[in-house]
Amino acid sequence: MPIPAFHLAFPVTNLESTRRFYVEVLGCTVGRTSRRWIDLDFHGHQVTAHLVEAAEPYTPTNIVDAKAVPVRHFGMILPWQEWHSLADRLTAAKSAFLIEPHIRFEGEVGEQATLFLLDPSGNGLEFKSFRDERAIFAT
């Protein structure tokens, strides 16, 4: 049975910079658009960037492994090699990471690669990968 596609709508302050970031940096493709929103194919899931007048001024964080993780964020769990390719591409593009690409729980159950960055409107994004995908929900 195929996995259902997920939909997420999020606020952005500039549609053109959003389009450039999600298409040129993250590799998304554009679906339907209007003058107030853009549908993006985010690894097979539909995310919709909606134009707003102003971004929220503050994003609360929680401390995880001594790093400030934005509470409100979304992202993707990628295959191990695909995550490394993305991390290399983002690093080569001199992306401003909130949390640099690194490996958590190395050698343990739940070993994962993770990185955090912001889109041009300040939305938090996390990309992660598990060496063993069965560990995604391991306790």
C-alpha atoms as a PDB file:
ATOM      1  CA  MET A   1       0.000   0.000   0.000  1.00  0.00           C
ATOM      2  CA  PRO A   2       1.487   3.388  -0.935  1.00  0.00           C
ATOM      3  CA  ILE A   3       2.170   5.889   1.824  1.00  0.00           C
ATOM      4  CA  PRO A   4      -0.333   8.778   1.691  1.00  0.00           C
ATOM      5  CA  ALA A   5       1.076  12.161   0.721  1.00  0.00           C
ATOM      6  CA  PHE A   6       1.263  14.753   3.464  1.00  0.00           C
ATOM      7  CA  HIS A   7       0.113  18.374   3.035  1.00  0.00           C
ATOM      8  CA  LEU A   8       1.454  21.360   4.959  1.00  0.00           C
ATOM      9  CA  ALA A   9       0.741  25.069   4.486  1.00  0.00           C
ATOM     10  CA  PHE A  10       3.169  27.640   5.885  1.00  0.00           C
ATOM     11  CA  PRO A  11       3.627  31.442   5.828  1.00  0.00           C
ATOM     12  CA  VAL A  12       6.199  33.239   3.673  1.00  0.00           C
ATOM     13  CA  THR A  13       6.910  36.925   3.138  1.00  0.00           C
ATOM     14  CA  ASN A  14       8.212  36.754  -0.446  1.00  0.00           C
ATOM     15  CA  LEU A  15       7.029  34.224  -3.022  1.00  0.00           C
ATOM     16  CA  GLU A  16       9.952  34.697  -5.431  1.00  0.00           C
ATOM     17  CA  SER A  17      12.704  34.126  -2.835  1.00  0.00           C
ATOM     18  CA  THR A  18      10.679  31.183  -1.509  1.00  0.00           C
ATOM     19  CA  ARG A  19      10.415  29.690  -5.007  1.00  0.00           C
ATOM     20  CA  ARG A  20      14.170  30.117  -5.603  1.00  0.00           C
ATOM     21  CA  PHE A  21      15.107  28.537  -2.252  1.00  0.00           C
ATOM     22  CA  TYR A  22      12.784  25.534  -2.467  1.00  0.00           C
ATOM     23  CA  VAL A  23      13.478  24.875  -6.161  1.00  0.00           C
ATOM     24  CA  GLU A  24      17.153  25.814  -6.613  1.00  0.00           C
ATOM     25  CA  VAL A  25      18.498  24.913  -3.160  1.00  0.00           C
ATOM     26  CA  LEU A  26      16.238  22.065  -2.021  1.00  0.00           C
ATOM     27  CA  GLY A  27      15.318  20.634  -5.438  1.00  0.00           C
ATOM     28  CA  CYS A  28      11.519  20.887  -5.170  1.00  0.00           C
ATOM     29  CA  THR A  29       9.306  21.298  -8.208  1.00  0.00           C
ATOM     30  CA  VAL A  30       6.489  23.830  -8.507  1.00  0.00           C
ATOM     31  CA  GLY A  31       2.854  22.816  -8.859  1.00  0.00           C
ATOM     32  CA  ARG A  32      -0.122  25.136  -8.962  1.00  0.00           C
ATOM     33  CA  THR A  33       0.477  28.787  -8.146  1.00  0.00           C
ATOM     34  CA  SER A  34      -1.396  32.015  -7.678  1.00  0.00           C
ATOM     35  CA  ARG A  35      -0.294  35.530  -6.791  1.00  0.00           C
ATOM     36  CA  ARG A  36      -0.722  34.601  -3.063  1.00  0.00           C
ATOM     37  CA  TRP A  37       0.606  30.999  -2.830  1.00  0.00           C
ATOM     38  CA  ILE A  38       2.836  28.316  -4.405  1.00  0.00           C
ATOM     39  CA  ASP A  39       2.355  24.543  -4.232  1.00  0.00           C
ATOM     40  CA  LEU A  40       5.661  22.678  -4.035  1.00  0.00           C
ATOM     41  CA  ASP A  41       6.457  18.994  -4.473  1.00  0.00           C
ATOM     42  CA  PHE A  42       8.497  18.352  -1.329  1.00  0.00           C
ATOM     43  CA  HIS A  43       9.760  14.802  -1.922  1.00  0.00           C
ATOM     44  CA  GLY A  44       6.304  13.645  -3.011  1.00  0.00           C
ATOM     45  CA  HIS A  45       4.437  15.680  -0.414  1.00  0.00           C
ATOM     46  CA  GLN A  46       2.503  18.870  -1.070  1.00  0.00           C
ATOM     47  CA  VAL A  47       3.677  21.922   0.828  1.00  0.00           C
ATOM     48  CA  THR A  48       2.049  25.260   0.120  1.00  0.00           C
ATOM     49  CA  ALA A  49       3.789  28.573   0.739  1.00  0.00           C
ATOM     50  CA  HIS A  50       1.178  31.256   1.523  1.00  0.00           C
ATOM     51  CA  LEU A  51       2.102  34.922   1.236  1.00  0.00           C
ATOM     52  CA  VAL A  52       1.707  36.935   4.456  1.00  0.00           C
ATOM     53  CA  GLU A  53       2.510  40.565   5.196  1.00  0.00           C
ATOM     54  CA  ALA A  54       5.086  39.915   7.922  1.00  0.00           C
ATOM     55  CA  ALA A  55       6.920  36.963   9.403  1.00  0.00           C
ATOM     56  CA  GLU A  56       6.462  36.036  13.027  1.00  0.00           C
ATOM     57  CA  PRO A  57       9.163  37.912  14.962  1.00  0.00           C
ATOM     58  CA  TYR A  58      10.232  35.117  17.313  1.00  0.00           C
ATOM     59  CA  THR A  59      10.398  31.358  17.078  1.00  0.00           C
ATOM     60  CA  PRO A  60      10.609  29.573  20.437  1.00  0.00           C
ATOM     61  CA  THR A  61      13.296  26.912  20.784  1.00  0.00           C
ATOM     62  CA  ASN A  62      13.904  23.844  22.920  1.00  0.00           C
ATOM     63  CA  ILE A  63      17.391  22.711  23.878  1.00  0.00           C
ATOM     64  CA  VAL A  64      18.187  19.293  22.384  1.00  0.00           C
ATOM     65  CA  ASP A  65      21.718  17.942  22.769  1.00  0.00           C
ATOM     66  CA  ALA A  66      22.796  21.439  23.910  1.00  0.00           C
ATOM     67  CA  LYS A  67      21.509  22.969  20.648  1.00  0.00           C
ATOM     68  CA  ALA A  68      18.582  25.403  20.232  1.00  0.00           C
ATOM     69  CA  VAL A  69      16.050  23.596  18.033  1.00  0.00           C
ATOM     70  CA  PRO A  70      13.177  25.714  16.666  1.00  0.00           C
ATOM     71  CA  VAL A  71       9.982  24.277  18.118  1.00  0.00           C
ATOM     72  CA  ARG A  72       8.013  24.959  14.947  1.00  0.00           C
ATOM     73  CA  HIS A  73       9.753  23.286  12.027  1.00  0.00           C
ATOM     74  CA  PHE A  74       9.143  20.735   9.322  1.00  0.00           C
ATOM     75  CA  GLY A  75      11.364  18.695   7.067  1.00  0.00           C
ATOM     76  CA  MET A  76      12.066  15.328   5.606  1.00  0.00           C
ATOM     77  CA  ILE A  77      13.601  12.019   6.598  1.00  0.00           C
ATOM     78  CA  LEU A  78      15.799  11.129   3.634  1.00  0.00           C
ATOM     79  CA  PRO A  79      17.696   7.975   2.671  1.00  0.00           C
ATOM     80  CA  TRP A  80      21.211   8.007   4.186  1.00  0.00           C
ATOM     81  CA  GLN A  81      23.146   8.842   0.989  1.00  0.00           C
ATOM     82  CA  GLU A  82      20.552  11.381  -0.169  1.00  0.00           C
ATOM     83  CA  TRP A  83      20.867  13.216   3.176  1.00  0.00           C
ATOM     84  CA  HIS A  84      24.666  13.349   2.789  1.00  0.00           C
ATOM     85  CA  SER A  85      24.322  14.679  -0.762  1.00  0.00           C
ATOM     86  CA  LEU A  86      21.936  17.397   0.446  1.00  0.00           C
ATOM     87  CA  ALA A  87      24.218  18.290   3.379  1.00  0.00           C
ATOM     88  CA  ASP A  88      27.193  18.560   0.995  1.00  0.00           C
ATOM     89  CA  ARG A  89      25.187  20.711  -1.454  1.00  0.00           C
ATOM     90  CA  LEU A  90      23.965  23.018   1.336  1.00  0.00           C
ATOM     91  CA  THR A  91      27.480  23.318   2.762  1.00  0.00           C
ATOM     92  CA  ALA A  92      28.960  24.094  -0.674  1.00  0.00           C
ATOM     93  CA  ALA A  93      26.262  26.769  -1.136  1.00  0.00           C
ATOM     94  CA  LYS A  94      27.406  28.309   2.172  1.00  0.00           C
ATOM     95  CA  SER A  95      23.968  27.855   3.719  1.00  0.00           C
ATOM     96  CA  ALA A  96      23.506  29.427   7.136  1.00  0.00           C
ATOM     97  CA  PHE A  97      22.763  26.415   9.314  1.00  0.00           C
ATOM     98  CA  LEU A  98      20.966  26.787  12.628  1.00  0.00           C
ATOM     99  CA  ILE A  99      22.488  23.414  13.472  1.00  0.00           C
ATOM    100  CA  GLU A 100      25.347  22.157  11.302  1.00  0.00           C
ATOM    101  CA  PRO A 101      25.067  18.721   9.679  1.00  0.00           C
ATOM    102  CA  HIS A 102      26.128  16.089  12.185  1.00  0.00           C
ATOM    103  CA  ILE A 103      25.466  12.533  13.420  1.00  0.00           C
ATOM    104  CA  ARG A 104      23.499  11.975  16.621  1.00  0.00           C
ATOM    105  CA  PHE A 105      23.558   8.763  18.676  1.00  0.00           C
ATOM    106  CA  GLU A 106      26.491   7.422  16.654  1.00  0.00           C
ATOM    107  CA  GLY A 107      26.742   3.642  17.011  1.00  0.00           C
ATOM    108  CA  GLU A 108      23.510   3.499  19.058  1.00  0.00           C
ATOM    109  CA  VAL A 109      19.912   2.592  18.307  1.00  0.00           C
ATOM    110  CA  GLY A 110      18.431   5.631  16.591  1.00  0.00           C
ATOM    111  CA  GLU A 111      21.703   6.769  14.985  1.00  0.00           C
ATOM    112  CA  GLN A 112      20.750   9.657  12.737  1.00  0.00           C
ATOM    113  CA  ALA A 113      22.161  12.410  10.601  1.00  0.00           C
ATOM    114  CA  THR A 114      20.513  15.803  11.105  1.00  0.00           C
ATOM    115  CA  LEU A 115      20.753  19.460  10.129  1.00  0.00           C
ATOM    116  CA  PHE A 116      18.606  22.567  10.630  1.00  0.00           C
ATOM    117  CA  LEU A 117      18.301  25.749   8.583  1.00  0.00           C
ATOM    118  CA  LEU A 118      15.785  28.503   7.893  1.00  0.00           C
ATOM    119  CA  ASP A 119      14.038  29.287   4.632  1.00  0.00           C
ATOM    120  CA  PRO A 120      14.052  32.926   3.423  1.00  0.00           C
ATOM    121  CA  SER A 121      10.965  33.717   5.560  1.00  0.00           C
ATOM    122  CA  GLY A 122      12.428  32.221   8.733  1.00  0.00           C
ATOM    123  CA  ASN A 123      10.597  28.880   8.699  1.00  0.00           C
ATOM    124  CA  GLY A 124      12.617  26.174  10.431  1.00  0.00           C
ATOM    125  CA  LEU A 125      13.548  23.127   8.353  1.00  0.00           C
ATOM    126  CA  GLU A 126      15.094  19.883   9.553  1.00  0.00           C
ATOM    127  CA  PHE A 127      16.488  17.208   7.304  1.00  0.00           C
ATOM    128  CA  LYS A 128      17.444  13.941   8.894  1.00  0.00           C
ATOM    129  CA  SER A 129      18.290  10.373   7.996  1.00  0.00           C
ATOM    130  CA  PHE A 130      18.506   7.141   9.917  1.00  0.00           C
ATOM    131  CA  ARG A 131      21.194   4.609   9.169  1.00  0.00           C
ATOM    132  CA  ASP A 132      18.515   1.987   9.915  1.00  0.00           C
ATOM    133  CA  GLU A 133      15.011   3.223   9.056  1.00  0.00           C
ATOM    134  CA  ARG A 134      13.496   0.762  11.531  1.00  0.00           C
ATOM    135  CA  ALA A 135      14.946   3.031  14.244  1.00  0.00           C
ATOM    136  CA  ILE A 136      12.779   6.033  13.266  1.00  0.00           C
ATOM    137  CA  PHE A 137      10.287   5.238  16.046  1.00  0.00           C
ATOM    138  CA  ALA A 138      12.591   3.156  18.272  1.00  0.00           C
ATOM    139  CA  THR A 139      12.426   3.862  21.986  1.00  0.00           C
END
